[in-house]
C-alpha atoms as a PDB file:
ATOM      1  CA  MET A   1      30.008  -2.732 -15.112  1.00  0.00           C
ATOM      2  CA  ALA A   2      26.898  -4.574 -16.214  1.00  0.00           C
ATOM      3  CA  GLU A   3      24.696  -6.086 -13.543  1.00  0.00           C
ATOM      4  CA  SER A   4      24.320  -9.845 -13.492  1.00  0.00           C
ATOM      5  CA  ASN A   5      20.964 -11.493 -13.018  1.00  0.00           C
ATOM      6  CA  ASP A   6      21.966 -12.389  -9.471  1.00  0.00           C
ATOM      7  CA  SER A   7      21.050  -9.685  -6.977  1.00  0.00           C
ATOM      8  CA  VAL A   8      23.756  -8.082  -4.894  1.00  0.00           C
ATOM      9  CA  PHE A   9      22.715  -7.271  -1.348  1.00  0.00           C
ATOM     10  CA  VAL A  10      24.023  -4.434   0.774  1.00  0.00           C
ATOM     11  CA  ASP A  11      22.911  -3.661   4.329  1.00  0.00           C
ATOM     12  CA  VAL A  12      22.937  -0.062   5.453  1.00  0.00           C
ATOM     13  CA  GLU A  13      22.695   0.411   9.207  1.00  0.00           C
ATOM     14  CA  LYS A  14      20.073   3.098   9.660  1.00  0.00           C
ATOM     15  CA  ILE A  15      17.457   3.292  12.356  1.00  0.00           C
ATOM     16  CA  TYR A  16      14.075   4.972  11.712  1.00  0.00           C
ATOM     17  CA  LEU A  17      11.693   4.919  14.665  1.00  0.00           C
ATOM     18  CA  GLY A  18      12.990   1.539  15.730  1.00  0.00           C
ATOM     19  CA  GLY A  19      13.212   0.131  12.200  1.00  0.00           C
ATOM     20  CA  LYS A  20      16.355  -0.844  10.349  1.00  0.00           C
ATOM     21  CA  GLU A  21      16.907   0.155   6.736  1.00  0.00           C
ATOM     22  CA  HIS A  22      18.222  -2.424   4.290  1.00  0.00           C
ATOM     23  CA  ARG A  23      19.310  -1.482   0.785  1.00  0.00           C
ATOM     24  CA  VAL A  24      18.551  -4.365  -1.556  1.00  0.00           C
ATOM     25  CA  ARG A  25      20.155  -4.118  -4.959  1.00  0.00           C
ATOM     26  CA  THR A  26      17.957  -5.846  -7.530  1.00  0.00           C
ATOM     27  CA  GLY A  27      18.182  -6.545 -11.230  1.00  0.00           C
ATOM     28  CA  CYS A  28      16.531  -3.180 -11.975  1.00  0.00           C
ATOM     29  CA  GLY A  29      17.877  -0.868  -9.299  1.00  0.00           C
ATOM     30  CA  SER A  30      18.247  -0.451  -5.565  1.00  0.00           C
ATOM     31  CA  VAL A  31      15.286  -0.765  -3.191  1.00  0.00           C
ATOM     32  CA  SER A  32      14.990   0.550   0.360  1.00  0.00           C
ATOM     33  CA  VAL A  33      13.272  -1.729   2.883  1.00  0.00           C
ATOM     34  CA  ILE A  34      12.603  -0.664   6.473  1.00  0.00           C
ATOM     35  CA  VAL A  35      12.192  -3.662   8.790  1.00  0.00           C
ATOM     36  CA  TYR A  36      10.294  -3.441  12.095  1.00  0.00           C
ATOM     37  CA  GLY A  37       9.969  -6.204  14.626  1.00  0.00           C
ATOM     38  CA  ASP A  38      10.999  -9.789  15.198  1.00  0.00           C
ATOM     39  CA  GLN A  39      12.137 -11.412  11.959  1.00  0.00           C
ATOM     40  CA  ASP A  40      11.132 -14.829  13.310  1.00  0.00           C
ATOM     41  CA  LYS A  41       7.501 -13.802  12.950  1.00  0.00           C
ATOM     42  CA  PRO A  42       5.462 -14.075   9.750  1.00  0.00           C
ATOM     43  CA  ALA A  43       6.137 -11.246   7.291  1.00  0.00           C
ATOM     44  CA  LEU A  44       3.848  -8.375   6.334  1.00  0.00           C
ATOM     45  CA  ILE A  45       5.142  -6.301   3.441  1.00  0.00           C
ATOM     46  CA  THR A  46       3.807  -2.841   2.597  1.00  0.00           C
ATOM     47  CA  TYR A  47       3.973  -0.785  -0.605  1.00  0.00           C
ATOM     48  CA  PRO A  48       2.847   2.875  -0.671  1.00  0.00           C
ATOM     49  CA  ASP A  49       1.098   5.047  -3.226  1.00  0.00           C
ATOM     50  CA  LEU A  50       2.715   7.462  -5.650  1.00  0.00           C
ATOM     51  CA  ALA A  51       5.223   9.944  -4.153  1.00  0.00           C
ATOM     52  CA  LEU A  52       4.899   8.354  -0.709  1.00  0.00           C
ATOM     53  CA  ASN A  53       6.943   6.051   1.496  1.00  0.00           C
ATOM     54  CA  TYR A  54       6.153   4.249   4.750  1.00  0.00           C
ATOM     55  CA  MET A  55       6.418   7.490   6.757  1.00  0.00           C
ATOM     56  CA  SER A  56       3.765   9.310   4.738  1.00  0.00           C
ATOM     57  CA  CYS A  57       1.527   6.333   3.855  1.00  0.00           C
ATOM     58  CA  PHE A  58       1.482   3.964   6.854  1.00  0.00           C
ATOM     59  CA  GLN A  59       2.565   6.031   9.858  1.00  0.00           C
ATOM     60  CA  GLY A  60      -1.012   6.867  10.858  1.00  0.00           C
ATOM     61  CA  LEU A  61      -1.930   3.191  10.807  1.00  0.00           C
ATOM     62  CA  PHE A  62       0.997   2.182  13.006  1.00  0.00           C
ATOM     63  CA  PHE A  63       0.434   5.145  15.356  1.00  0.00           C
ATOM     64  CA  CYS A  64      -3.098   3.831  16.005  1.00  0.00           C
ATOM     65  CA  PRO A  65      -2.401   1.765  19.166  1.00  0.00           C
ATOM     66  CA  GLU A  66      -4.970  -0.989  18.610  1.00  0.00           C
ATOM     67  CA  VAL A  67      -3.979  -1.504  14.981  1.00  0.00           C
ATOM     68  CA  ALA A  68      -0.273  -1.393  15.819  1.00  0.00           C
ATOM     69  CA  SER A  69      -0.714  -4.017  18.541  1.00  0.00           C
ATOM     70  CA  LEU A  70      -2.554  -6.303  16.097  1.00  0.00           C
ATOM     71  CA  LEU A  71       0.098  -5.975  13.389  1.00  0.00           C
ATOM     72  CA  VAL A  72       3.314  -5.802  15.387  1.00  0.00           C
ATOM     73  CA  HIS A  73       2.268  -8.640  17.713  1.00  0.00           C
ATOM     74  CA  ASN A  74       1.729 -11.000  14.797  1.00  0.00           C
ATOM     75  CA  PHE A  75       4.119  -9.838  12.093  1.00  0.00           C
ATOM     76  CA  CYS A  76       7.532  -8.527  11.256  1.00  0.00           C
ATOM     77  CA  ILE A  77       6.867  -5.507   9.027  1.00  0.00           C
ATOM     78  CA  TYR A  78       8.826  -4.935   5.820  1.00  0.00           C
ATOM     79  CA  HIS A  79       8.134  -1.475   4.377  1.00  0.00           C
ATOM     80  CA  ILE A  80       9.217  -1.443   0.720  1.00  0.00           C
ATOM     81  CA  SER A  81       9.649   1.977  -0.902  1.00  0.00           C
ATOM     82  CA  PRO A  82       9.285   2.495  -4.660  1.00  0.00           C
ATOM     83  CA  PRO A  83      12.715   3.222  -6.182  1.00  0.00           C
ATOM     84  CA  GLY A  84      13.924   6.658  -5.108  1.00  0.00           C
ATOM     85  CA  HIS A  85      11.047   7.268  -2.676  1.00  0.00           C
ATOM     86  CA  GLU A  86      12.934   6.470   0.529  1.00  0.00           C
ATOM     87  CA  LEU A  87      14.013   9.136   3.027  1.00  0.00           C
ATOM     88  CA  GLY A  88      17.013  11.068   1.767  1.00  0.00           C
ATOM     89  CA  ALA A  89      16.954   9.493  -1.706  1.00  0.00           C
ATOM     90  CA  ALA A  90      19.184  11.035  -4.368  1.00  0.00           C
ATOM     91  CA  PRO A  91      17.829  11.739  -7.866  1.00  0.00           C
ATOM     92  CA  ILE A  92      17.878   8.634 -10.059  1.00  0.00           C
ATOM     93  CA  SER A  93      19.990   9.091 -13.171  1.00  0.00           C
ATOM     94  CA  PRO A  94      17.974   9.918 -16.316  1.00  0.00           C
ATOM     95  CA  ASP A  95      20.123   7.308 -18.077  1.00  0.00           C
ATOM     96  CA  ASP A  96      18.682   4.496 -15.948  1.00  0.00           C
ATOM     97  CA  PRO A  97      15.990   2.560 -17.831  1.00  0.00           C
ATOM     98  CA  LEU A  98      12.426   3.299 -16.775  1.00  0.00           C
ATOM     99  CA  PRO A  99      10.935   0.430 -14.756  1.00  0.00           C
ATOM    100  CA  SER A 100       7.646  -1.125 -15.781  1.00  0.00           C
ATOM    101  CA  VAL A 101       5.042  -2.290 -13.288  1.00  0.00           C
ATOM    102  CA  ASP A 102       6.274  -5.834 -13.968  1.00  0.00           C
ATOM    103  CA  ASP A 103       9.808  -4.755 -13.044  1.00  0.00           C
ATOM    104  CA  LEU A 104       8.516  -3.295  -9.766  1.00  0.00           C
ATOM    105  CA  ALA A 105       6.601  -6.495  -8.983  1.00  0.00           C
ATOM    106  CA  ASP A 106       9.703  -8.554  -9.782  1.00  0.00           C
ATOM    107  CA  GLN A 107      11.751  -6.421  -7.380  1.00  0.00           C
ATOM    108  CA  ILE A 108       9.500  -7.641  -4.565  1.00  0.00           C
ATOM    109  CA  ILE A 109      10.423 -11.279  -5.160  1.00  0.00           C
ATOM    110  CA  GLU A 110      14.097 -10.299  -4.944  1.00  0.00           C
ATOM    111  CA  VAL A 111      13.403  -8.544  -1.634  1.00  0.00           C
ATOM    112  CA  LEU A 112      11.661 -11.659  -0.297  1.00  0.00           C
ATOM    113  CA  ASN A 113      14.540 -13.853  -1.391  1.00  0.00           C
ATOM    114  CA  TYR A 114      17.063 -11.514   0.227  1.00  0.00           C
ATOM    115  CA  PHE A 115      15.356 -11.826   3.605  1.00  0.00           C
ATOM    116  CA  GLY A 116      14.754 -15.552   3.165  1.00  0.00           C
ATOM    117  CA  LEU A 117      10.985 -15.104   3.315  1.00  0.00           C
ATOM    118  CA  GLY A 118       8.498 -17.670   2.067  1.00  0.00           C
ATOM    119  CA  ALA A 119       4.864 -16.661   1.673  1.00  0.00           C
ATOM    120  CA  VAL A 120       3.953 -13.209   3.008  1.00  0.00           C
ATOM    121  CA  MET A 121       0.989 -11.011   3.865  1.00  0.00           C
ATOM    122  CA  CYS A 122       0.775  -7.890   1.659  1.00  0.00           C
ATOM    123  CA  MET A 123      -0.657  -4.401   2.254  1.00  0.00           C
ATOM    124  CA  GLY A 124      -0.655  -1.729  -0.451  1.00  0.00           C
ATOM    125  CA  VAL A 125      -2.265   1.648  -1.144  1.00  0.00           C
ATOM    126  CA  THR A 126      -3.560   2.610  -4.624  1.00  0.00           C
ATOM    127  CA  ALA A 127      -0.509   2.366  -6.929  1.00  0.00           C
ATOM    128  CA  GLY A 128       1.161   0.156  -4.316  1.00  0.00           C
ATOM    129  CA  ALA A 129      -1.973  -2.009  -4.178  1.00  0.00           C
ATOM    130  CA  TYR A 130      -1.724  -2.514  -7.941  1.00  0.00           C
ATOM    131  CA  ILE A 131       1.951  -3.541  -7.688  1.00  0.00           C
ATOM    132  CA  LEU A 132       1.193  -6.049  -4.907  1.00  0.00           C
ATOM    133  CA  THR A 133      -1.828  -7.464  -6.760  1.00  0.00           C
ATOM    134  CA  LEU A 134       0.328  -7.954  -9.841  1.00  0.00           C
ATOM    135  CA  PHE A 135       2.975  -9.556  -7.635  1.00  0.00           C
ATOM    136  CA  ALA A 136       0.343 -11.945  -6.217  1.00  0.00           C
ATOM    137  CA  MET A 137      -0.693 -12.936  -9.742  1.00  0.00           C
ATOM    138  CA  LYS A 138       2.883 -13.603 -10.844  1.00  0.00           C
ATOM    139  CA  TYR A 139       4.034 -15.351  -7.659  1.00  0.00           C
ATOM    140  CA  ARG A 140       0.914 -16.941  -6.194  1.00  0.00           C
ATOM    141  CA  GLN A 141       2.828 -19.295  -3.903  1.00  0.00           C
ATOM    142  CA  ARG A 142       4.515 -16.344  -2.181  1.00  0.00           C
ATOM    143  CA  VAL A 143       1.367 -14.485  -1.090  1.00  0.00           C
ATOM    144  CA  LEU A 144      -0.812 -15.497   1.875  1.00  0.00           C
ATOM    145  CA  GLY A 145      -3.230 -12.587   1.742  1.00  0.00           C
ATOM    146  CA  LEU A 146      -3.795  -9.123   0.289  1.00  0.00           C
ATOM    147  CA  ILE A 147      -4.966  -6.013   2.141  1.00  0.00           C
ATOM    148  CA  LEU A 148      -5.620  -3.435  -0.562  1.00  0.00           C
ATOM    149  CA  VAL A 149      -6.486   0.204   0.122  1.00  0.00           C
ATOM    150  CA  SER A 150      -8.231   2.122  -2.699  1.00  0.00           C
ATOM    151  CA  PRO A 151      -6.698  -0.280  -5.236  1.00  0.00           C
ATOM    152  CA  LEU A 152      -6.263  -0.043  -8.999  1.00  0.00           C
ATOM    153  CA  CYS A 153      -6.686  -2.967 -11.396  1.00  0.00           C
ATOM    154  CA  LYS A 154      -7.736  -1.481 -14.731  1.00  0.00           C
ATOM    155  CA  ALA A 155      -5.620   0.516 -17.166  1.00  0.00           C
ATOM    156  CA  PRO A 156      -5.974   4.279 -16.573  1.00  0.00           C
ATOM    157  CA  SER A 157      -9.256   5.873 -17.611  1.00  0.00           C
ATOM    158  CA  TRP A 158      -9.044   8.899 -19.902  1.00  0.00           C
ATOM    159  CA  THR A 159      -9.601  11.116 -16.866  1.00  0.00           C
ATOM    160  CA  GLU A 160      -6.792   9.513 -14.887  1.00  0.00           C
ATOM    161  CA  TRP A 161      -4.516   9.479 -17.951  1.00  0.00           C
ATOM    162  CA  LEU A 162      -5.043  13.220 -18.462  1.00  0.00           C
ATOM    163  CA  TYR A 163      -4.548  13.900 -14.751  1.00  0.00           C
ATOM    164  CA  ASN A 164      -1.312  11.885 -14.765  1.00  0.00           C
ATOM    165  CA  LYS A 165      -0.126  13.642 -17.941  1.00  0.00           C
ATOM    166  CA  VAL A 166      -0.539  17.047 -16.291  1.00  0.00           C
ATOM    167  CA  MET A 167       1.335  15.816 -13.194  1.00  0.00           C
ATOM    168  CA  SER A 168       4.094  14.347 -15.385  1.00  0.00           C
ATOM    169  CA  ASN A 169       4.593  17.687 -17.138  1.00  0.00           C
ATOM    170  CA  MET A 170       4.712  19.535 -13.819  1.00  0.00           C
ATOM    171  CA  LEU A 171       7.259  17.066 -12.443  1.00  0.00           C
ATOM    172  CA  TYR A 172       9.402  17.287 -15.575  1.00  0.00           C
ATOM    173  CA  PHE A 173       9.476  21.087 -15.757  1.00  0.00           C
ATOM    174  CA  TYR A 174       8.998  22.232 -12.143  1.00  0.00           C
ATOM    175  CA  GLY A 175       9.669  19.267  -9.848  1.00  0.00           C
ATOM    176  CA  MET A 176       7.720  18.987  -6.593  1.00  0.00           C
ATOM    177  CA  CYS A 177       6.016  22.367  -6.984  1.00  0.00           C
ATOM    178  CA  GLY A 178       3.083  23.653  -4.936  1.00  0.00           C
ATOM    179  CA  LEU A 179       0.449  22.891  -7.573  1.00  0.00           C
ATOM    180  CA  LEU A 180       1.684  19.328  -7.965  1.00  0.00           C
ATOM    181  CA  LYS A 181       1.376  18.794  -4.223  1.00  0.00           C
ATOM    182  CA  GLU A 182      -2.226  20.023  -4.393  1.00  0.00           C
ATOM    183  CA  PHE A 183      -2.926  17.432  -7.095  1.00  0.00           C
ATOM    184  CA  LEU A 184      -1.408  14.712  -4.946  1.00  0.00           C
ATOM    185  CA  LEU A 185      -3.312  15.754  -1.812  1.00  0.00           C
ATOM    186  CA  GLN A 186      -6.544  15.537  -3.835  1.00  0.00           C
ATOM    187  CA  ARG A 187      -5.512  12.021  -4.808  1.00  0.00           C
ATOM    188  CA  TYR A 188      -4.885  11.002  -1.187  1.00  0.00           C
ATOM    189  CA  PHE A 189      -7.407  12.786   1.036  1.00  0.00           C
ATOM    190  CA  SER A 190     -11.039  13.841   1.320  1.00  0.00           C
ATOM    191  CA  LYS A 191     -11.962  17.508   1.056  1.00  0.00           C
ATOM    192  CA  ASP A 192     -12.509  17.751   4.821  1.00  0.00           C
ATOM    193  CA  VAL A 193      -8.875  16.810   5.462  1.00  0.00           C
ATOM    194  CA  ARG A 194      -7.479  19.045   2.706  1.00  0.00           C
ATOM    195  CA  GLY A 195      -9.393  22.042   4.033  1.00  0.00           C
ATOM    196  CA  SER A 196     -10.944  24.989   2.220  1.00  0.00           C
ATOM    197  CA  ALA A 197     -11.400  28.738   2.534  1.00  0.00           C
ATOM    198  CA  GLU A 198     -13.687  28.125   5.528  1.00  0.00           C
ATOM    199  CA  VAL A 199     -11.977  25.052   7.027  1.00  0.00           C
ATOM    200  CA  PRO A 200      -8.235  25.022   7.807  1.00  0.00           C
ATOM    201  CA  GLU A 201      -6.037  22.266   6.395  1.00  0.00           C
ATOM    202  CA  SER A 202      -5.762  19.333   8.797  1.00  0.00           C
ATOM    203  CA  ASP A 203      -2.573  18.285  10.549  1.00  0.00           C
ATOM    204  CA  ILE A 204      -2.560  15.110   8.436  1.00  0.00           C
ATOM    205  CA  ALA A 205      -2.520  17.063   5.166  1.00  0.00           C
ATOM    206  CA  GLN A 206       0.081  19.512   6.484  1.00  0.00           C
ATOM    207  CA  ALA A 207       2.372  16.670   7.559  1.00  0.00           C
ATOM    208  CA  CYS A 208       1.971  14.938   4.197  1.00  0.00           C
ATOM    209  CA  ARG A 209       2.725  18.183   2.345  1.00  0.00           C
ATOM    210  CA  GLY A 210       5.932  18.539   4.359  1.00  0.00           C
ATOM    211  CA  LEU A 211       6.993  14.961   3.592  1.00  0.00           C
ATOM    212  CA  LEU A 212       6.314  15.498  -0.130  1.00  0.00           C
ATOM    213  CA  ASP A 213       8.891  18.299  -0.054  1.00  0.00           C
ATOM    214  CA  GLU A 214      11.531  15.628   0.518  1.00  0.00           C
ATOM    215  CA  ARG A 215      10.743  13.716  -2.679  1.00  0.00           C
ATOM    216  CA  GLN A 216      12.891  14.062  -5.787  1.00  0.00           C
ATOM    217  CA  GLY A 217      10.688  15.071  -8.725  1.00  0.00           C
ATOM    218  CA  ILE A 218      12.497  12.824 -11.228  1.00  0.00           C
ATOM    219  CA  ASN A 219      12.025   9.788  -8.970  1.00  0.00           C
ATOM    220  CA  VAL A 220       8.302  10.440  -8.563  1.00  0.00           C
ATOM    221  CA  LEU A 221       7.998  10.968 -12.322  1.00  0.00           C
ATOM    222  CA  ARG A 222       9.490   7.530 -12.989  1.00  0.00           C
ATOM    223  CA  PHE A 223       6.979   5.790 -10.711  1.00  0.00           C
ATOM    224  CA  LEU A 224       4.123   7.851 -12.178  1.00  0.00           C
ATOM    225  CA  GLN A 225       5.131   6.873 -15.727  1.00  0.00           C
ATOM    226  CA  ALA A 226       5.211   3.189 -14.767  1.00  0.00           C
ATOM    227  CA  ILE A 227       1.745   3.385 -13.197  1.00  0.00           C
ATOM    228  CA  THR A 228       0.311   5.375 -16.120  1.00  0.00           C
ATOM    229  CA  ARG A 229       1.482   2.640 -18.520  1.00  0.00           C
ATOM    230  CA  ARG A 230       0.022  -0.185 -16.432  1.00  0.00           C
ATOM    231  CA  PRO A 231      -2.017  -2.872 -18.181  1.00  0.00           C
ATOM    232  CA  ASP A 232      -5.487  -4.010 -17.145  1.00  0.00           C
ATOM    233  CA  ILE A 233      -5.092  -7.013 -14.832  1.00  0.00           C
ATOM    234  CA  THR A 234      -8.811  -7.589 -14.235  1.00  0.00           C
ATOM    235  CA  SER A 235      -8.838 -10.916 -16.067  1.00  0.00           C
ATOM    236  CA  GLY A 236      -6.334 -12.400 -13.613  1.00  0.00           C
ATOM    237  CA  LEU A 237      -8.233 -11.492 -10.452  1.00  0.00           C
ATOM    238  CA  LYS A 238     -10.481 -14.590 -10.451  1.00  0.00           C
ATOM    239  CA  LYS A 239      -7.369 -16.781 -10.435  1.00  0.00           C
ATOM    240  CA  LEU A 240      -6.161 -15.375  -7.123  1.00  0.00           C
ATOM    241  CA  ARG A 241      -6.687 -17.853  -4.311  1.00  0.00           C
ATOM    242  CA  CYS A 242      -5.345 -15.772  -1.449  1.00  0.00           C
ATOM    243  CA  ARG A 243      -7.841 -14.006   0.787  1.00  0.00           C
ATOM    244  CA  THR A 244      -8.263 -10.343  -0.138  1.00  0.00           C
ATOM    245  CA  LEU A 245      -9.586  -7.496   1.998  1.00  0.00           C
ATOM    246  CA  VAL A 246     -10.314  -4.261   0.111  1.00  0.00           C
ATOM    247  CA  PHE A 247     -10.726  -0.873   1.805  1.00  0.00           C
ATOM    248  CA  VAL A 248     -11.827   2.253  -0.027  1.00  0.00           C
ATOM    249  CA  GLY A 249     -12.903   5.714   1.099  1.00  0.00           C
ATOM    250  CA  ASP A 250     -16.214   6.768  -0.396  1.00  0.00           C
ATOM    251  CA  ASN A 251     -14.630  10.118  -1.354  1.00  0.00           C
ATOM    252  CA  SER A 252     -11.687   8.470  -3.089  1.00  0.00           C
ATOM    253  CA  PRO A 253     -11.129   9.275  -6.790  1.00  0.00           C
ATOM    254  CA  PHE A 254     -10.629   5.507  -7.146  1.00  0.00           C
ATOM    255  CA  HIS A 255     -13.864   4.464  -5.426  1.00  0.00           C
ATOM    256  CA  SER A 256     -15.445   3.064  -8.614  1.00  0.00           C
ATOM    257  CA  GLU A 257     -12.213   1.213  -9.403  1.00  0.00           C
ATOM    258  CA  ALA A 258     -12.344  -0.579  -6.040  1.00  0.00           C
ATOM    259  CA  LEU A 259     -16.010  -1.492  -6.590  1.00  0.00           C
ATOM    260  CA  HIS A 260     -15.103  -2.887 -10.004  1.00  0.00           C
ATOM    261  CA  MET A 261     -12.243  -4.888  -8.543  1.00  0.00           C
ATOM    262  CA  ILE A 262     -14.302  -6.530  -5.807  1.00  0.00           C
ATOM    263  CA  THR A 263     -16.804  -7.805  -8.401  1.00  0.00           C
ATOM    264  CA  LYS A 264     -13.976  -9.494 -10.298  1.00  0.00           C
ATOM    265  CA  LEU A 265     -12.395 -11.207  -7.277  1.00  0.00           C
ATOM    266  CA  ASP A 266     -13.601 -14.612  -6.126  1.00  0.00           C
ATOM    267  CA  ARG A 267     -16.259 -13.637  -3.589  1.00  0.00           C
ATOM    268  CA  ARG A 268     -15.452 -16.686  -1.443  1.00  0.00           C
ATOM    269  CA  TYR A 269     -12.086 -15.169  -0.607  1.00  0.00           C
ATOM    270  CA  SER A 270     -12.721 -11.412  -0.712  1.00  0.00           C
ATOM    271  CA  ALA A 271     -14.560  -8.625   1.067  1.00  0.00           C
ATOM    272  CA  LEU A 272     -15.042  -4.882   0.631  1.00  0.00           C
ATOM    273  CA  VAL A 273     -14.994  -2.255   3.362  1.00  0.00           C
ATOM    274  CA  GLU A 274     -16.236   1.190   2.309  1.00  0.00           C
ATOM    275  CA  VAL A 275     -15.199   3.921   4.728  1.00  0.00           C
ATOM    276  CA  GLN A 276     -17.468   6.948   4.868  1.00  0.00           C
ATOM    277  CA  ALA A 277     -16.190  10.511   4.792  1.00  0.00           C
ATOM    278  CA  CYS A 278     -12.730   9.342   3.742  1.00  0.00           C
ATOM    279  CA  GLY A 279     -10.407   9.730   0.762  1.00  0.00           C
ATOM    280  CA  SER A 280      -8.082   7.157  -0.782  1.00  0.00           C
ATOM    281  CA  MET A 281      -5.516   6.912   1.999  1.00  0.00           C
ATOM    282  CA  VAL A 282      -7.579   5.212   4.701  1.00  0.00           C
ATOM    283  CA  THR A 283      -4.295   4.256   6.429  1.00  0.00           C
ATOM    284  CA  GLU A 284      -3.738   7.910   7.317  1.00  0.00           C
ATOM    285  CA  GLU A 285      -7.180   9.485   7.316  1.00  0.00           C
ATOM    286  CA  GLN A 286      -9.196   6.864   9.218  1.00  0.00           C
ATOM    287  CA  PRO A 287      -6.817   4.089  10.314  1.00  0.00           C
ATOM    288  CA  HIS A 288      -9.118   3.066  13.190  1.00  0.00           C
ATOM    289  CA  ALA A 289     -11.713   2.008  10.584  1.00  0.00           C
ATOM    290  CA  MET A 290      -9.348  -0.753   9.465  1.00  0.00           C
ATOM    291  CA  LEU A 291      -9.065  -2.445  12.862  1.00  0.00           C
ATOM    292  CA  ILE A 292     -12.192  -4.637  13.112  1.00  0.00           C
ATOM    293  CA  PRO A 293     -12.139  -5.858   9.476  1.00  0.00           C
ATOM    294  CA  MET A 294      -8.449  -6.734   9.801  1.00  0.00           C
ATOM    295  CA  GLU A 295      -9.104  -8.570  13.065  1.00  0.00           C
ATOM    296  CA  TYR A 296     -11.700 -10.762  11.335  1.00  0.00           C
ATOM    297  CA  PHE A 297      -9.389 -11.178   8.350  1.00  0.00           C
ATOM    298  CA  PHE A 298      -6.455 -12.341  10.490  1.00  0.00           C
ATOM    299  CA  MET A 299      -8.635 -14.669  12.579  1.00  0.00           C
ATOM    300  CA  GLY A 300      -8.790 -16.868   9.492  1.00  0.00           C
ATOM    301  CA  TYR A 301      -5.058 -17.403   9.934  1.00  0.00           C
ATOM    302  CA  GLY A 302      -5.275 -17.991  13.684  1.00  0.00           C
ATOM    303  CA  LEU A 303      -3.910 -14.536  14.517  1.00  0.00           C
ATOM    304  CA  TYR A 304      -5.293 -12.265  17.223  1.00  0.00           C
ATOM    305  CA  ARG A 305      -4.516  -9.106  19.125  1.00  0.00           C
ATOM    306  CA  PRO A 306      -2.263  -9.696  22.154  1.00  0.00           C
ATOM    307  CA  CYS A 307      -5.151  -9.175  24.584  1.00  0.00           C
ATOM    308  CA  GLN A 308      -6.566 -12.390  23.181  1.00  0.00           C
ATOM    309  CA  LEU A 309      -4.914 -15.771  23.553  1.00  0.00           C
ATOM    310  CA  SER A 310      -3.051 -16.936  20.489  1.00  0.00           C
ATOM    311  CA  ASP A 311      -1.565 -20.359  20.034  1.00  0.00           C
ATOM    312  CA  SER A 312       1.600 -19.122  18.405  1.00  0.00           C
ATOM    313  CA  PRO A 313       1.990 -15.831  16.560  1.00  0.00           C
ATOM    314  CA  ARG A 314       5.366 -17.108  15.322  1.00  0.00           C
ATOM    315  CA  SER A 315       3.933 -20.180  13.639  1.00  0.00           C
ATOM    316  CA  PRO A 316       3.806 -20.120   9.830  1.00  0.00           C
ATOM    317  CA  LEU A 317       0.562 -18.851   8.390  1.00  0.00           C
ATOM    318  CA  SER A 318      -1.302 -21.329   6.263  1.00  0.00           C
ATOM    319  CA  PRO A 319      -4.455 -20.723   4.222  1.00  0.00           C
ATOM    320  CA  SER A 320      -5.454 -24.300   5.077  1.00  0.00           C
ATOM    321  CA  CYS A 321      -6.343 -23.127   8.589  1.00  0.00           C
ATOM    322  CA  ILE A 322      -9.034 -20.764   7.296  1.00  0.00           C
ATOM    323  CA  SER A 323     -12.399 -21.788   8.642  1.00  0.00           C
ATOM    324  CA  PRO A 324     -15.130 -21.685   5.962  1.00  0.00           C
ATOM    325  CA  GLU A 325     -17.346 -19.265   7.891  1.00  0.00           C
ATOM    326  CA  LEU A 326     -14.534 -16.714   8.045  1.00  0.00           C
ATOM    327  CA  LEU A 327     -14.248 -16.788   4.271  1.00  0.00           C
ATOM    328  CA  SER A 328     -17.734 -15.380   3.881  1.00  0.00           C
ATOM    329  CA  PRO A 329     -17.698 -11.677   3.016  1.00  0.00           C
ATOM    330  CA  GLU A 330     -20.344 -10.996   5.651  1.00  0.00           C
ATOM    331  CA  SER A 331     -18.164 -12.317   8.476  1.00  0.00           C
ATOM    332  CA  MET A 332     -15.182 -10.358   7.146  1.00  0.00           C
ATOM    333  CA  GLY A 333     -17.048  -7.069   7.401  1.00  0.00           C
ATOM    334  CA  LEU A 334     -18.517  -6.616   3.931  1.00  0.00           C
ATOM    335  CA  LYS A 335     -19.668  -3.034   3.419  1.00  0.00           C
ATOM    336  CA  LEU A 336     -18.780  -2.163   7.002  1.00  0.00           C
ATOM    337  CA  LYS A 337     -19.100   1.607   7.296  1.00  0.00           C
ATOM    338  CA  PRO A 338     -17.931   3.544  10.360  1.00  0.00           C
ATOM    339  CA  ILE A 339     -20.428   6.023  11.750  1.00  0.00           C
ATOM    340  CA  LYS A 340     -20.145   9.464  10.222  1.00  0.00           C
ATOM    341  CA  THR A 341     -18.514  11.958  12.554  1.00  0.00           C
ATOM    342  CA  ARG A 342     -19.358  15.101  10.624  1.00  0.00           C
ATOM    343  CA  VAL A 343     -22.591  17.040  10.261  1.00  0.00           C
ATOM    344  CA  SER A 344     -24.197  16.652   6.876  1.00  0.00           C
ATOM    345  CA  HIS A 345     -24.683  19.942   5.039  1.00  0.00           C
ATOM    346  CA  GLU A 346     -27.266  18.507   2.727  1.00  0.00           C
ATOM    347  CA  GLY A 347     -30.695  19.926   3.075  1.00  0.00           C
END
């Protein structure tokens, strides 16, 4: 039976660490959304990087007590998984049409409409940051702010295209094999976290490797193909009027991409935080480094950690309440770099 343009919504009662899973059927497939917190509060939606879901991309951030208190006190969290990336997902049929990045961005508006959400705060990592940025361009009235971690905005470079082509071939022929997981860990983490012959692999990398085992290769391949075919959206960045906070690890393969992106955003509304000794996935590798910049960022919306007095964390967020001084990149933590915690081996 052909799907109509109207979305059909189905709730599935599943509890993950206090969150409830909703299955939202959209015009281009089913989407899993894990909801944490009081749905009367303003909404924060998250979107993970390739081959990840909320467990493997945002768990470290929400297990950091200070960050968790800031986010959970002020927001209801909606973790959106790319199609087929949720826990226990079955392989997507090869007969299903491949989604484009526009399709994935359009799924988000259907998720918002399902939950009856107006304008939302967005947080995405790398591929997920691209999807949310595209969403913000297409549906400007529905986005209050963007928190982007090691984001993409250009079409793939030749290096990334070749890298993605190799991963696509591995996924097609071998699925989630050991070599593919090594490629993905290089994408996510710094060398210190991944380990070497002299340094053992960290608990973070080991946990991520274990969670990658649960992914279906065909589902990851579909998301990878969509991201590899993404268009350059640089020209639309200046038109964004929501406040944007960009984090990037200085060891991230996408470090130069983030630097490019921040130069194309309206500097009155954006700031860059470079995190030393960190890979792409700051949310897992150094989540504590995100706390102070996010506190400044949210102050512009009248939101604070619970230890501080807040007028009403349930009140709707409005960009009109942003004080001019908090829009300056300097006050938002521009180029804030946490102190290095490793010994330099450079002579």
